[in-house]
N, C-alpha and C. Protein backbone atom coordinates (compact mmCIF):
# COMPACT_ATOMS: atom_id res chain seq x y z
N UNK A 1 0.81 -1.19 0.00
CA UNK A 1 0.05 0.05 0.05
C UNK A 1 0.83 1.29 0.00
N UNK A 2 0.33 2.29 -0.55
CA UNK A 2 1.19 3.57 -0.65
C UNK A 2 0.39 4.67 -0.04
N UNK A 3 0.99 5.49 0.83
CA UNK A 3 0.25 6.72 1.37
C UNK A 3 0.68 7.70 0.30
N UNK A 4 -0.43 8.43 -0.18
CA UNK A 4 -0.24 9.47 -1.11
C UNK A 4 -0.18 10.75 -0.50
N UNK A 5 -0.94 11.03 0.57
CA UNK A 5 -1.02 12.37 1.17
C UNK A 5 -1.35 12.35 2.55
N UNK A 6 -0.82 13.30 3.35
CA UNK A 6 -1.02 13.33 4.75
C UNK A 6 -1.45 14.81 5.00
N UNK A 7 -2.47 15.12 5.72
CA UNK A 7 -2.83 16.55 6.03
C UNK A 7 -2.74 16.72 7.55
N UNK A 8 -2.00 17.78 7.97
CA UNK A 8 -1.88 18.19 9.36
C UNK A 8 -1.40 19.54 9.49
N UNK A 9 -1.24 20.03 10.71
CA UNK A 9 -0.81 21.40 10.89
C UNK A 9 0.70 21.47 10.97
N UNK A 10 1.28 22.73 10.83
CA UNK A 10 2.75 22.88 11.07
C UNK A 10 3.06 22.47 12.43
N UNK A 11 2.26 22.86 13.49
CA UNK A 11 2.54 22.48 14.82
C UNK A 11 2.51 20.97 14.99
N UNK A 12 1.70 20.29 14.34
CA UNK A 12 1.64 18.84 14.39
C UNK A 12 2.97 18.31 13.94
N UNK A 13 3.38 18.88 12.77
CA UNK A 13 4.72 18.37 12.17
C UNK A 13 5.84 18.54 13.08
N UNK A 14 5.90 19.74 13.65
CA UNK A 14 7.10 20.04 14.62
C UNK A 14 7.12 19.18 15.87
N UNK A 15 5.83 18.72 16.30
CA UNK A 15 5.74 17.88 17.46
C UNK A 15 5.81 16.31 17.12
N UNK A 16 6.01 16.03 15.95
CA UNK A 16 6.05 14.54 15.53
C UNK A 16 7.18 13.95 16.34
N UNK A 17 6.89 12.67 16.78
CA UNK A 17 8.00 11.95 17.47
C UNK A 17 9.02 11.58 16.44
N UNK A 18 10.23 11.47 16.85
CA UNK A 18 11.45 11.20 15.97
C UNK A 18 11.24 9.92 15.13
N UNK A 19 10.77 8.80 15.68
CA UNK A 19 10.61 7.60 14.88
C UNK A 19 9.53 7.78 13.81
N UNK A 20 8.74 8.73 13.89
CA UNK A 20 7.59 8.95 12.86
C UNK A 20 8.26 9.51 11.67
N UNK A 21 8.85 8.85 10.72
CA UNK A 21 9.48 9.42 9.46
C UNK A 21 8.69 9.00 8.28
N UNK A 22 8.32 9.98 7.44
CA UNK A 22 7.58 9.74 6.14
C UNK A 22 8.49 9.37 5.00
N UNK A 23 9.71 9.82 5.07
CA UNK A 23 10.63 9.59 3.92
C UNK A 23 10.58 10.83 3.06
N UNK A 24 11.08 10.76 1.82
CA UNK A 24 11.11 11.89 0.92
C UNK A 24 9.71 12.34 0.52
N UNK A 25 9.48 13.60 0.52
CA UNK A 25 8.11 14.13 0.27
C UNK A 25 8.15 15.54 -0.12
N UNK A 26 7.05 16.14 -0.65
CA UNK A 26 6.80 17.51 -0.99
C UNK A 26 5.79 18.00 -0.02
N UNK A 27 5.95 19.28 0.40
CA UNK A 27 5.04 19.90 1.23
C UNK A 27 4.31 21.06 0.62
N UNK A 28 3.01 21.23 0.80
CA UNK A 28 2.26 22.43 0.34
C UNK A 28 1.28 22.81 1.34
N UNK A 29 0.87 24.05 1.31
CA UNK A 29 -0.09 24.60 2.19
C UNK A 29 -1.48 24.57 1.78
N UNK A 30 -2.38 24.55 2.63
CA UNK A 30 -3.87 24.62 2.32
C UNK A 30 -4.20 26.00 2.12
N UNK A 31 -4.65 26.38 1.05
CA UNK A 31 -4.93 27.78 0.63
C UNK A 31 -6.15 28.39 1.50
N UNK A 32 -6.87 27.48 2.18
CA UNK A 32 -8.05 28.06 2.92
C UNK A 32 -7.65 28.16 4.52
N UNK A 33 -6.57 27.57 4.82
CA UNK A 33 -6.06 27.65 6.19
C UNK A 33 -4.52 27.42 6.18
N UNK A 34 -3.79 28.54 6.22
CA UNK A 34 -2.33 28.50 6.09
C UNK A 34 -1.57 27.59 7.11
N UNK A 35 -2.35 27.36 8.28
CA UNK A 35 -1.66 26.55 9.31
C UNK A 35 -1.79 25.07 8.99
N UNK A 36 -2.53 24.65 7.94
CA UNK A 36 -2.63 23.31 7.61
C UNK A 36 -1.80 22.98 6.37
N UNK A 37 -1.12 21.91 6.34
CA UNK A 37 -0.33 21.58 5.23
C UNK A 37 -0.61 20.20 4.74
N UNK A 38 -0.23 19.94 3.51
CA UNK A 38 -0.30 18.56 2.91
C UNK A 38 1.06 17.94 2.75
N UNK A 39 1.31 16.77 3.13
CA UNK A 39 2.62 16.18 2.81
C UNK A 39 2.32 15.21 1.73
N UNK A 40 2.88 15.42 0.57
CA UNK A 40 2.69 14.58 -0.60
C UNK A 40 3.92 13.66 -0.68
N UNK A 41 3.68 12.31 -0.60
CA UNK A 41 4.72 11.36 -0.72
C UNK A 41 4.88 10.91 -2.15
N UNK A 42 6.14 10.51 -2.43
CA UNK A 42 6.40 9.94 -3.72
C UNK A 42 5.58 8.77 -3.98
N UNK A 43 5.15 8.50 -5.20
CA UNK A 43 4.29 7.38 -5.54
C UNK A 43 5.01 6.07 -5.18
N UNK A 44 6.34 6.05 -5.27
CA UNK A 44 7.02 4.78 -5.16
C UNK A 44 7.35 4.48 -3.67
N UNK A 45 7.01 5.45 -2.74
CA UNK A 45 7.40 5.30 -1.33
C UNK A 45 6.43 4.32 -0.61
N UNK A 46 7.01 3.22 -0.17
CA UNK A 46 6.20 2.21 0.44
C UNK A 46 6.12 2.46 1.94
N UNK A 47 5.05 2.15 2.61
CA UNK A 47 4.86 2.32 4.04
C UNK A 47 4.22 1.12 4.57
N UNK A 48 4.77 0.82 5.82
CA UNK A 48 4.07 -0.35 6.50
C UNK A 48 2.94 0.17 7.29
N UNK A 49 1.68 -0.12 6.88
CA UNK A 49 0.55 0.54 7.40
C UNK A 49 0.31 0.16 8.90
N UNK A 50 0.59 -1.04 9.27
CA UNK A 50 0.28 -1.45 10.73
C UNK A 50 1.18 -0.69 11.67
N UNK A 51 2.46 -0.53 11.37
CA UNK A 51 3.28 0.22 12.29
C UNK A 51 2.98 1.64 12.28
N UNK A 52 2.62 2.22 11.16
CA UNK A 52 2.14 3.60 11.03
C UNK A 52 1.02 3.85 11.87
N UNK A 53 0.04 2.93 11.69
CA UNK A 53 -1.26 2.97 12.40
C UNK A 53 -1.12 3.02 13.95
N UNK A 54 -0.26 2.17 14.49
CA UNK A 54 0.15 2.06 15.89
C UNK A 54 0.72 3.40 16.29
N UNK A 55 1.63 4.05 15.58
CA UNK A 55 2.32 5.22 15.98
C UNK A 55 1.30 6.42 15.96
N UNK A 56 0.41 6.37 14.97
CA UNK A 56 -0.62 7.46 14.99
C UNK A 56 -1.53 7.38 16.18
N UNK A 57 -1.96 6.13 16.57
CA UNK A 57 -2.79 6.08 17.72
C UNK A 57 -2.09 6.62 19.00
N UNK A 58 -0.82 6.22 19.16
CA UNK A 58 -0.12 6.66 20.28
C UNK A 58 0.06 8.20 20.30
N UNK A 59 0.29 8.72 19.11
CA UNK A 59 0.45 10.19 18.90
C UNK A 59 -0.87 10.94 19.29
N UNK A 60 -1.94 10.45 18.83
CA UNK A 60 -3.24 11.06 19.04
C UNK A 60 -3.62 10.97 20.47
N UNK A 61 -3.39 9.74 21.12
CA UNK A 61 -3.71 9.54 22.50
C UNK A 61 -2.94 10.39 23.51
N UNK A 62 -1.78 10.79 23.02
CA UNK A 62 -0.91 11.72 23.81
C UNK A 62 -1.39 13.19 23.77
N UNK A 63 -2.47 13.39 22.98
CA UNK A 63 -3.10 14.70 22.91
C UNK A 63 -2.39 15.72 22.09
N UNK A 64 -1.50 15.25 21.16
CA UNK A 64 -0.74 16.18 20.35
C UNK A 64 -1.53 16.74 19.27
N UNK A 65 -2.61 16.10 18.91
CA UNK A 65 -3.48 16.58 17.74
C UNK A 65 -4.84 15.91 17.86
N UNK A 66 -5.81 16.37 17.19
CA UNK A 66 -7.17 15.74 17.26
C UNK A 66 -7.54 15.02 16.00
N UNK A 67 -6.99 15.27 14.84
CA UNK A 67 -7.43 14.58 13.70
C UNK A 67 -6.35 14.51 12.67
N UNK A 68 -6.31 13.43 11.97
CA UNK A 68 -5.35 13.26 10.91
C UNK A 68 -6.10 12.45 9.69
N UNK A 69 -5.77 12.77 8.54
CA UNK A 69 -6.35 12.06 7.39
C UNK A 69 -5.23 11.52 6.56
N UNK A 70 -5.37 10.23 6.18
CA UNK A 70 -4.40 9.61 5.15
C UNK A 70 -5.16 9.21 3.89
N UNK A 71 -4.62 9.50 2.78
CA UNK A 71 -5.13 9.11 1.57
C UNK A 71 -4.26 7.97 0.94
N UNK A 72 -4.87 6.75 0.68
CA UNK A 72 -3.99 5.62 0.17
C UNK A 72 -4.38 5.28 -1.25
N UNK A 73 -3.45 4.78 -1.91
CA UNK A 73 -3.70 4.27 -3.28
C UNK A 73 -3.56 2.79 -3.26
N UNK A 74 -4.34 2.12 -3.97
CA UNK A 74 -4.32 0.65 -4.07
C UNK A 74 -5.70 0.01 -3.85
N UNK A 75 -5.68 -1.22 -4.03
CA UNK A 75 -6.93 -2.00 -3.76
C UNK A 75 -7.49 -1.91 -2.31
N UNK A 76 -8.76 -1.58 -2.10
CA UNK A 76 -9.32 -1.47 -0.76
C UNK A 76 -9.06 -2.74 -0.03
N UNK A 77 -8.34 -2.77 1.06
CA UNK A 77 -8.02 -4.01 1.74
C UNK A 77 -9.05 -4.44 2.80
N UNK A 78 -10.23 -4.93 2.33
CA UNK A 78 -11.28 -5.37 3.11
C UNK A 78 -10.97 -6.34 4.15
N UNK A 79 -10.23 -7.47 3.77
CA UNK A 79 -9.79 -8.46 4.74
C UNK A 79 -8.98 -7.92 5.74
N UNK A 80 -8.02 -7.01 5.42
CA UNK A 80 -7.03 -6.48 6.40
C UNK A 80 -7.82 -5.68 7.45
N UNK A 81 -8.91 -4.76 7.00
CA UNK A 81 -9.68 -4.07 7.93
C UNK A 81 -10.44 -5.02 8.89
N UNK A 82 -11.00 -6.06 8.33
CA UNK A 82 -11.68 -7.04 9.13
C UNK A 82 -10.82 -7.61 10.22
N UNK A 83 -9.58 -8.02 9.82
CA UNK A 83 -8.52 -8.61 10.76
C UNK A 83 -8.21 -7.70 11.89
N UNK A 84 -8.21 -6.40 11.65
CA UNK A 84 -7.85 -5.42 12.77
C UNK A 84 -9.06 -4.89 13.46
N UNK A 85 -10.21 -5.40 13.26
CA UNK A 85 -11.33 -5.01 13.95
C UNK A 85 -12.33 -3.92 13.41
N UNK A 86 -12.17 -3.66 12.13
CA UNK A 86 -13.06 -2.62 11.52
C UNK A 86 -14.39 -3.40 11.10
N UNK A 87 -15.45 -2.70 11.31
CA UNK A 87 -16.76 -3.21 10.91
C UNK A 87 -17.43 -2.31 9.83
N UNK A 88 -18.13 -2.99 8.84
CA UNK A 88 -18.73 -2.25 7.78
C UNK A 88 -19.90 -1.43 8.22
N UNK A 89 -19.98 -0.08 7.95
CA UNK A 89 -21.01 0.71 8.25
C UNK A 89 -22.04 0.85 7.16
N UNK A 90 -21.46 1.08 5.98
CA UNK A 90 -22.21 1.20 4.71
C UNK A 90 -21.30 0.80 3.55
N UNK A 91 -21.69 0.97 2.37
CA UNK A 91 -20.86 0.64 1.20
C UNK A 91 -19.54 1.23 1.12
N UNK A 92 -19.41 2.46 1.66
CA UNK A 92 -18.07 3.29 1.53
C UNK A 92 -17.43 3.37 2.82
N UNK A 93 -18.02 3.12 4.02
CA UNK A 93 -17.54 3.45 5.29
C UNK A 93 -17.34 2.24 6.25
N UNK A 94 -16.09 2.16 6.74
CA UNK A 94 -15.73 1.07 7.70
C UNK A 94 -15.38 1.79 9.00
N UNK A 95 -15.71 1.26 10.23
CA UNK A 95 -15.42 1.93 11.44
C UNK A 95 -14.75 0.98 12.38
N UNK A 96 -13.90 1.39 13.20
CA UNK A 96 -13.20 0.65 14.24
C UNK A 96 -13.60 1.25 15.60
N UNK A 97 -14.14 0.38 16.50
CA UNK A 97 -14.42 0.92 17.92
C UNK A 97 -13.21 1.16 18.62
N UNK A 98 -13.13 2.24 19.44
CA UNK A 98 -12.00 2.50 20.32
C UNK A 98 -12.56 3.43 21.34
N UNK A 99 -11.98 3.32 22.61
CA UNK A 99 -12.48 4.07 23.83
C UNK A 99 -12.34 5.59 23.50
N UNK A 100 -11.17 6.01 22.94
CA UNK A 100 -10.92 7.37 22.82
C UNK A 100 -10.83 7.92 21.42
N UNK A 101 -10.54 7.03 20.48
CA UNK A 101 -10.27 7.55 19.06
C UNK A 101 -11.47 7.09 18.18
N UNK A 102 -11.90 7.95 17.29
CA UNK A 102 -12.83 7.67 16.22
C UNK A 102 -12.07 7.39 14.97
N UNK A 103 -12.20 6.10 14.54
CA UNK A 103 -11.31 5.62 13.40
C UNK A 103 -12.21 5.05 12.33
N UNK A 104 -12.06 5.68 11.11
CA UNK A 104 -12.78 5.27 9.95
C UNK A 104 -11.90 4.98 8.77
N UNK A 105 -12.31 4.13 7.91
CA UNK A 105 -11.75 3.80 6.65
C UNK A 105 -12.83 4.24 5.60
N UNK A 106 -12.53 5.01 4.65
CA UNK A 106 -13.52 5.48 3.66
C UNK A 106 -13.09 5.05 2.24
N UNK A 107 -13.91 4.23 1.63
CA UNK A 107 -13.52 3.85 0.17
C UNK A 107 -14.05 4.87 -0.83
N UNK A 108 -13.14 5.57 -1.38
CA UNK A 108 -13.47 6.59 -2.47
C UNK A 108 -13.79 5.91 -3.80
N UNK A 109 -12.98 4.97 -4.18
CA UNK A 109 -13.27 4.13 -5.28
C UNK A 109 -12.31 2.90 -5.16
N UNK A 110 -12.33 2.03 -6.16
CA UNK A 110 -11.59 0.80 -5.98
C UNK A 110 -10.07 1.00 -5.73
N UNK A 111 -9.52 2.06 -6.30
CA UNK A 111 -8.04 2.30 -6.08
C UNK A 111 -7.74 3.45 -5.22
N UNK A 112 -8.65 3.97 -4.56
CA UNK A 112 -8.38 5.10 -3.63
C UNK A 112 -9.17 5.10 -2.39
N UNK A 113 -8.58 5.23 -1.19
CA UNK A 113 -9.38 5.22 0.01
C UNK A 113 -8.69 6.08 1.10
N UNK A 114 -9.40 6.36 2.09
CA UNK A 114 -8.91 7.37 3.18
C UNK A 114 -9.09 6.67 4.49
N UNK A 115 -8.12 6.91 5.30
CA UNK A 115 -8.33 6.57 6.80
C UNK A 115 -8.29 7.81 7.60
N UNK A 116 -9.41 8.00 8.38
CA UNK A 116 -9.44 9.15 9.15
C UNK A 116 -9.45 8.78 10.69
N UNK A 117 -8.63 9.42 11.41
CA UNK A 117 -8.51 9.13 12.83
C UNK A 117 -8.73 10.34 13.64
N UNK A 118 -9.66 10.35 14.62
CA UNK A 118 -9.91 11.58 15.40
C UNK A 118 -9.67 11.24 16.98
N UNK A 119 -9.17 12.13 17.68
CA UNK A 119 -9.11 11.97 19.14
C UNK A 119 -10.45 12.58 19.71
N UNK A 120 -11.37 11.70 20.18
CA UNK A 120 -12.73 12.07 20.54
C UNK A 120 -12.72 12.20 22.13
N UNK A 121 -11.63 12.00 22.85
CA UNK A 121 -11.52 12.09 24.24
C UNK A 121 -12.19 13.40 24.76
N UNK A 122 -11.90 14.57 24.20
CA UNK A 122 -12.46 15.80 24.60
C UNK A 122 -13.54 16.26 23.71
N UNK A 123 -14.06 15.38 22.92
CA UNK A 123 -15.17 15.65 21.89
C UNK A 123 -14.77 16.80 20.99
N UNK A 124 -13.53 16.98 20.63
CA UNK A 124 -13.13 17.97 19.65
C UNK A 124 -13.34 17.46 18.21
N UNK A 125 -13.36 18.32 17.20
CA UNK A 125 -13.47 17.85 15.91
C UNK A 125 -14.94 17.58 15.50
N UNK A 126 -15.21 17.32 14.25
CA UNK A 126 -16.48 16.96 13.77
C UNK A 126 -16.55 15.46 13.42
N UNK A 127 -17.46 14.76 14.05
CA UNK A 127 -17.49 13.29 13.67
C UNK A 127 -17.66 13.08 12.14
N UNK A 128 -17.07 12.17 11.60
CA UNK A 128 -17.17 12.03 10.18
C UNK A 128 -18.53 11.60 9.77
N UNK A 129 -19.31 10.97 10.61
CA UNK A 129 -20.70 10.57 10.10
C UNK A 129 -21.66 11.82 10.01
N UNK A 130 -21.23 13.00 10.50
CA UNK A 130 -21.96 14.29 10.26
C UNK A 130 -21.63 14.98 8.95
N UNK A 131 -20.63 14.37 8.29
CA UNK A 131 -20.20 14.98 7.06
C UNK A 131 -21.02 14.33 5.76
N UNK A 132 -21.40 15.10 4.92
CA UNK A 132 -22.10 14.60 3.66
C UNK A 132 -21.13 13.66 2.95
N UNK A 133 -21.51 12.53 2.55
CA UNK A 133 -20.60 11.59 1.88
C UNK A 133 -20.17 12.17 0.54
N UNK A 134 -21.05 12.95 -0.14
CA UNK A 134 -20.60 13.41 -1.43
C UNK A 134 -19.64 14.46 -1.35
N UNK A 135 -19.48 15.06 -0.21
CA UNK A 135 -18.52 16.14 -0.05
C UNK A 135 -17.33 15.80 0.73
N UNK A 136 -17.32 14.44 1.25
CA UNK A 136 -16.20 13.95 2.09
C UNK A 136 -14.82 14.26 1.45
N UNK A 137 -14.68 13.95 0.25
CA UNK A 137 -13.35 14.02 -0.41
C UNK A 137 -12.93 15.54 -0.59
N UNK A 138 -13.84 16.46 -0.38
CA UNK A 138 -13.53 17.83 -0.46
C UNK A 138 -13.34 18.53 0.86
N UNK A 139 -13.69 17.79 1.95
CA UNK A 139 -13.51 18.43 3.28
C UNK A 139 -12.56 17.75 4.12
N UNK A 140 -12.06 18.49 5.06
CA UNK A 140 -11.05 17.75 6.04
C UNK A 140 -11.40 18.33 7.45
N UNK A 141 -11.30 17.45 8.43
CA UNK A 141 -11.55 17.86 9.84
C UNK A 141 -10.43 18.73 10.35
N UNK A 142 -10.72 19.81 11.01
CA UNK A 142 -9.58 20.71 11.60
C UNK A 142 -9.52 20.45 13.06
N UNK A 143 -8.40 20.96 13.65
CA UNK A 143 -8.17 20.77 15.01
C UNK A 143 -9.05 21.58 15.95
N UNK A 144 -9.72 22.57 15.48
CA UNK A 144 -10.67 23.38 16.34
C UNK A 144 -12.13 23.02 16.17
N UNK A 145 -12.41 21.98 15.42
CA UNK A 145 -13.75 21.51 15.28
C UNK A 145 -14.51 22.02 14.19
N UNK A 146 -13.95 22.97 13.36
CA UNK A 146 -14.61 23.48 12.16
C UNK A 146 -14.28 22.59 11.00
N UNK A 147 -15.19 22.63 9.97
CA UNK A 147 -14.85 22.01 8.74
C UNK A 147 -14.39 22.96 7.71
N UNK A 148 -13.25 22.74 7.04
CA UNK A 148 -12.75 23.62 6.07
C UNK A 148 -12.75 22.84 4.76
N UNK A 149 -12.74 23.72 3.61
CA UNK A 149 -12.63 23.03 2.27
C UNK A 149 -11.19 22.83 2.06
N UNK A 150 -10.86 21.57 1.70
CA UNK A 150 -9.32 21.28 1.35
C UNK A 150 -9.16 21.57 -0.13
N UNK A 151 -7.90 21.82 -0.41
CA UNK A 151 -7.57 22.12 -1.77
C UNK A 151 -7.62 20.88 -2.63
N UNK A 152 -7.87 21.02 -3.85
CA UNK A 152 -8.09 19.90 -4.81
C UNK A 152 -6.78 19.55 -5.43
């Protein structure tokens, strides 16, 4: 699987733990919110999803940020999601139960999907189920609970 894009704030990037390394990438700003950035990884950059997933959970539970979105390329890994405890909500949405985190996998099409992880401990952010499905790929959850339009 390949991570194509990561969206977070400059503050999030500065506070990233040292082991959390993305490799070679390009960075661009969100035109609607200059504090948010996109990290675009090279298409050839391979990532081990399970170790990245564990690191993100630890990072979110430590309170360093409230939400993060990953866009993946490749076949939607239904069996993998089942194996790690995701349950199907509808045709496009898979959810994993967690005491503090809200974790979703969203199938955009056969070859593109998104994993959205929110820290719901303090009820910050906008739950993904309150977003319109048709606009999901155009919106991203912010750290202050507002919904902003993401750059295309």
